[in-house]
Structure formats: structure tokens, C-alpha cells
Amino acid sequence: MNDDTLYRHPDLALAGAAMRAEWRDEEEEWMRAAAQHWAHGRSVHDVARDLMHRGDTVEAVAAGRVFTGPIDFVGDDFVELRTANGRVDVRTLLADGRGETMAPVVLRVVEKARSGGHRGVPGAPTLRARLLEREASARPAVLGSVLLPDEIRGHVGVGRDHVTVRGDGPDTVVPLTWVSWVTAARG
């Protein structure tokens, strides 16, 4: 028997097909396990970067407020959303000097993008650095915290571990860790 005859033999063809099907099944199982292992190692920031790269419209729920828009920037401890009312910085990570913990925030995809997305706009790496930019601009801001029932408005002054908001009412001092979101004041 020559090699050509072996390939056409019905028993060998069936055995070869069965072996190829088994190999495909094993490969698919390994691929599923690898994808699951990869997903188990992802952080909220990894997910936020993917949402930004795709251009999905996201809903961020923080300190009793809901902000909707695409993510424009992912910092070390916050994401910046581009909403209909302007840009909002939403804290995603708490750092207290002893370690890091996820902030009380929920990100929800409300619309998957059909096109668009980007690698991110340049920005301050931390929410504290973003607050320093807001302080330097001397423009009023609006700030939310899970510690406060209402948002506070005014000019921000940033300390090492806190932010002071000076508005029409009394000055309010909020530990930086507990600033949930901040945006520019409108009107």
C-alpha cells in the first residue's frame, strides 16, 4: 500500500477526523481556561480602559449621583467621564496610606459603541493632582462625597490629605480619600 491509499482508507479517515475533532475540543477548552484566567486577573481600571478604548457610554454611580457619558481618561484612582453637562472626575480607588481599596462606585455600560473610542486624553494621574489643577484654575467646582448628604460648591483648596471647599456657606473640609466625584460648577 502506498501513502495515497492509506489516506483514502475509510477506517483511517474516520480515525483522523475523530482525532482532529478531539484536538479542536481540547484546544477550545484550553482557550476558555486561558480567557477565564485572564479575566480573573483584571482590575476595575483594566475594565475602564477597555470601555474607554471602545468608546462605550458608561453610567457611573457615586455618592448618590449618576453620571453618564464615555470615559475620556483613566487615572490611577479615578476616571473622567464626558457628560452632557461637562467633564466629571469619579473616584474608583481609595488610598489611605495603609493600602488601597475600591471606592464605592458602580460602572455600568448603557450603550455599546459601534465605532469610536480612543487611547485616552492626557491628564493628571491622580484625583489629588486633578483637584490641584482645579485649584490653580481658580474656578468654582462641585464636589460630592459619600460622607455628605448634598454636593458642595465653591473654590477648592488642596492639602496633603484633604480638600477645603470655600463657598457661600461655611468652609467644608473633606478628606481626599472620601471625595467621590468633582466637576466644574455651572452658571
Protein backbone atom coordinates (compact mmCIF):
# COMPACT_ATOMS: atom_id res chain seq x y z
CA MET A 1 0.00 0.00 0.00
CA ASN A 2 1.29 3.43 -0.84
CA ASP A 3 0.74 6.61 1.23
CA ASP A 4 -2.08 7.81 -1.03
CA THR A 5 -4.02 4.61 -0.40
CA LEU A 6 -3.68 4.98 3.39
CA TYR A 7 -5.22 8.46 3.37
CA ARG A 8 -8.22 7.22 1.44
CA HIS A 9 -8.83 4.20 3.63
CA PRO A 10 -12.28 4.66 5.26
CA ASP A 11 -11.23 3.48 8.72
CA LEU A 12 -8.19 5.77 8.79
CA ALA A 13 -10.16 8.76 7.51
CA LEU A 14 -12.72 8.34 10.31
CA ALA A 15 -9.98 7.90 12.92
CA GLY A 16 -8.19 11.02 11.64
CA ALA A 17 -11.40 13.05 11.70
CA ALA A 18 -12.12 11.89 15.27
CA MET A 19 -8.60 12.80 16.38
CA ARG A 20 -8.85 16.27 14.80
CA ALA A 21 -12.23 16.86 16.49
CA GLU A 22 -10.75 15.81 19.85
CA TRP A 23 -7.78 18.16 19.36
CA ARG A 24 -10.16 21.03 18.49
CA ASP A 25 -12.24 20.35 21.62
CA GLU A 26 -9.11 20.28 23.80
CA GLU A 27 -7.83 23.50 22.23
CA GLU A 28 -11.19 25.23 22.81
CA GLU A 29 -11.16 24.07 26.45
CA TRP A 30 -7.63 25.46 26.93
CA MET A 31 -8.67 28.74 25.28
CA ARG A 32 -11.70 29.06 27.62
CA ALA A 33 -9.48 28.35 30.65
CA ALA A 34 -6.90 30.92 29.50
CA ALA A 35 -9.61 33.55 28.93
CA GLN A 36 -11.09 32.85 32.36
CA HIS A 37 -7.64 33.10 34.00
CA TRP A 38 -7.05 36.43 32.20
CA ALA A 39 -10.46 37.79 33.31
CA HIS A 40 -9.80 36.82 36.94
CA GLY A 41 -6.67 38.98 36.95
CA ARG A 42 -8.33 42.15 35.63
CA SER A 43 -8.96 45.21 37.78
CA VAL A 44 -11.68 47.86 37.56
CA HIS A 45 -9.09 50.12 35.92
CA ASP A 46 -8.41 47.47 33.26
CA VAL A 47 -12.14 47.30 32.56
CA ALA A 48 -12.43 51.13 32.49
CA ARG A 49 -9.55 51.34 30.00
CA ASP A 50 -11.30 48.80 27.76
CA LEU A 51 -14.55 50.81 27.95
CA MET A 52 -12.60 53.96 27.04
CA HIS A 53 -10.82 52.26 24.13
CA ARG A 54 -14.14 51.01 22.76
CA GLY A 55 -15.95 54.32 23.34
CA ASP A 56 -18.87 52.75 25.22
CA THR A 57 -21.29 55.05 27.04
CA VAL A 58 -20.96 54.38 30.75
CA GLU A 59 -23.07 55.22 33.77
CA ALA A 60 -21.03 55.92 36.93
CA VAL A 61 -22.96 55.81 40.19
CA ALA A 62 -21.13 57.52 43.07
CA ALA A 63 -22.29 59.22 46.28
CA GLY A 64 -25.93 59.22 45.26
CA ARG A 65 -25.35 60.72 41.81
CA VAL A 66 -25.43 59.16 38.37
CA PHE A 67 -23.15 60.47 35.61
CA THR A 68 -23.47 59.22 32.03
CA GLY A 69 -21.02 59.50 29.15
CA PRO A 70 -17.95 57.95 27.58
CA ILE A 71 -14.75 57.64 29.60
CA ASP A 72 -12.12 60.11 28.40
CA PHE A 73 -9.32 59.29 30.84
CA VAL A 74 -8.39 56.60 33.36
CA GLY A 75 -6.13 57.84 36.14
CA ASP A 76 -4.54 55.93 38.99
CA ASP A 77 -7.55 56.40 41.27
CA PHE A 78 -10.31 57.94 39.14
CA VAL A 79 -11.97 58.00 35.73
CA GLU A 80 -13.02 61.10 33.82
CA LEU A 81 -16.39 60.93 32.10
CA ARG A 82 -17.52 63.33 29.37
CA THR A 83 -21.16 64.01 30.23
CA ALA A 84 -23.74 66.28 28.61
CA ASN A 85 -23.04 68.83 31.37
CA GLY A 86 -19.24 68.67 31.17
CA ARG A 87 -16.43 66.51 32.45
CA VAL A 88 -16.74 64.70 35.79
CA ASP A 89 -13.94 63.02 37.70
CA VAL A 90 -15.21 59.96 39.59
CA ARG A 91 -13.07 58.22 42.22
CA THR A 92 -12.53 54.50 41.67
CA LEU A 93 -9.82 53.71 44.22
CA LEU A 94 -9.33 54.72 47.85
CA ALA A 95 -5.79 55.06 49.18
CA ASP A 96 -5.38 55.55 52.92
CA GLY A 97 -1.63 55.16 53.42
CA ARG A 98 -2.03 51.53 54.51
CA GLY A 99 -3.17 50.15 51.20
CA GLU A 100 -5.78 50.52 48.52
CA THR A 101 -9.46 49.64 48.41
CA MET A 102 -12.03 50.05 45.70
CA ALA A 103 -14.14 53.19 46.05
CA PRO A 104 -17.92 52.90 46.43
CA VAL A 105 -18.69 53.34 42.73
CA VAL A 106 -20.54 51.33 40.12
CA LEU A 107 -19.75 51.48 36.39
CA ARG A 108 -22.49 50.28 34.06
CA VAL A 109 -22.36 50.10 30.26
CA VAL A 110 -25.55 51.74 28.99
CA GLU A 111 -24.66 51.77 25.30
CA LYS A 112 -22.01 49.82 23.43
CA ALA A 113 -20.20 51.92 20.86
CA ARG A 114 -20.43 50.94 17.20
CA SER A 115 -17.31 52.97 16.45
CA GLY A 116 -15.01 55.44 18.09
CA GLY A 117 -13.13 55.03 21.29
CA HIS A 118 -9.60 56.25 21.90
CA ARG A 119 -6.44 55.69 23.88
CA GLY A 120 -7.28 58.48 26.33
CA VAL A 121 -6.62 62.17 26.61
CA PRO A 122 -3.63 63.41 28.60
CA GLY A 123 -4.49 64.19 32.18
CA ALA A 124 -3.45 64.36 35.80
CA PRO A 125 -2.57 60.89 37.12
CA THR A 126 -4.47 61.14 40.44
CA LEU A 127 -7.63 62.77 41.71
CA ARG A 128 -5.50 64.89 44.07
CA ALA A 129 -3.49 66.18 41.06
CA ARG A 130 -6.77 66.90 39.25
CA LEU A 131 -8.01 68.86 42.28
CA LEU A 132 -4.74 70.84 42.28
CA GLU A 133 -5.45 71.74 38.64
CA ARG A 134 -8.93 72.88 39.64
CA GLU A 135 -7.45 74.93 42.48
CA ALA A 136 -4.96 76.58 40.10
CA SER A 137 -7.75 77.48 37.66
CA ALA A 138 -9.49 79.47 40.45
CA ARG A 139 -12.86 78.42 39.02
CA PRO A 140 -15.55 77.06 41.34
CA ALA A 141 -16.17 73.34 41.48
CA VAL A 142 -18.91 70.99 42.64
CA LEU A 143 -17.85 68.10 44.84
CA GLY A 144 -19.66 65.01 46.10
CA SER A 145 -18.80 62.66 48.94
CA VAL A 146 -20.43 59.60 50.47
CA LEU A 147 -19.95 61.42 53.79
CA LEU A 148 -22.27 64.30 52.82
CA PRO A 149 -25.99 64.26 52.05
CA ASP A 150 -25.61 67.04 49.46
CA GLU A 151 -22.98 68.18 46.99
CA ILE A 152 -20.88 71.19 47.94
CA ARG A 153 -19.94 74.12 45.68
CA GLY A 154 -17.11 76.57 45.83
CA HIS A 155 -13.41 77.08 45.29
CA VAL A 156 -11.19 74.15 46.25
CA GLY A 157 -8.02 74.34 48.29
CA VAL A 158 -6.00 71.15 48.35
CA GLY A 159 -3.99 69.99 51.36
CA ARG A 160 -1.79 66.93 51.74
CA ASP A 161 -4.70 64.68 52.73
CA HIS A 162 -7.81 66.85 52.39
CA VAL A 163 -9.62 69.38 50.26
CA THR A 164 -11.31 72.51 51.59
CA VAL A 165 -14.27 73.88 49.67
CA ARG A 166 -14.92 77.58 50.22
CA GLY A 167 -18.32 78.67 49.02
CA ASP A 168 -21.22 80.84 50.11
CA GLY A 169 -21.65 78.82 53.30
CA PRO A 170 -19.11 77.63 55.82
CA ASP A 171 -15.81 76.17 54.61
CA THR A 172 -16.07 72.40 54.28
CA VAL A 173 -13.05 70.14 54.79
CA VAL A 174 -13.28 66.67 53.22
CA PRO A 175 -10.55 64.01 53.48
CA LEU A 176 -9.22 63.39 49.95
CA THR A 177 -9.94 59.69 50.27
CA TRP A 178 -13.64 60.45 50.62
CA VAL A 179 -14.05 62.78 47.64
CA SER A 180 -16.36 60.71 45.44
CA TRP A 181 -16.59 62.98 42.42
CA VAL A 182 -15.80 66.52 41.29
CA THR A 183 -16.81 68.65 38.33
CA ALA A 184 -16.72 72.30 37.29
CA ALA A 185 -19.53 74.46 38.66
CA ARG A 186 -22.01 75.66 36.01
CA GLY A 187 -23.57 79.11 35.92
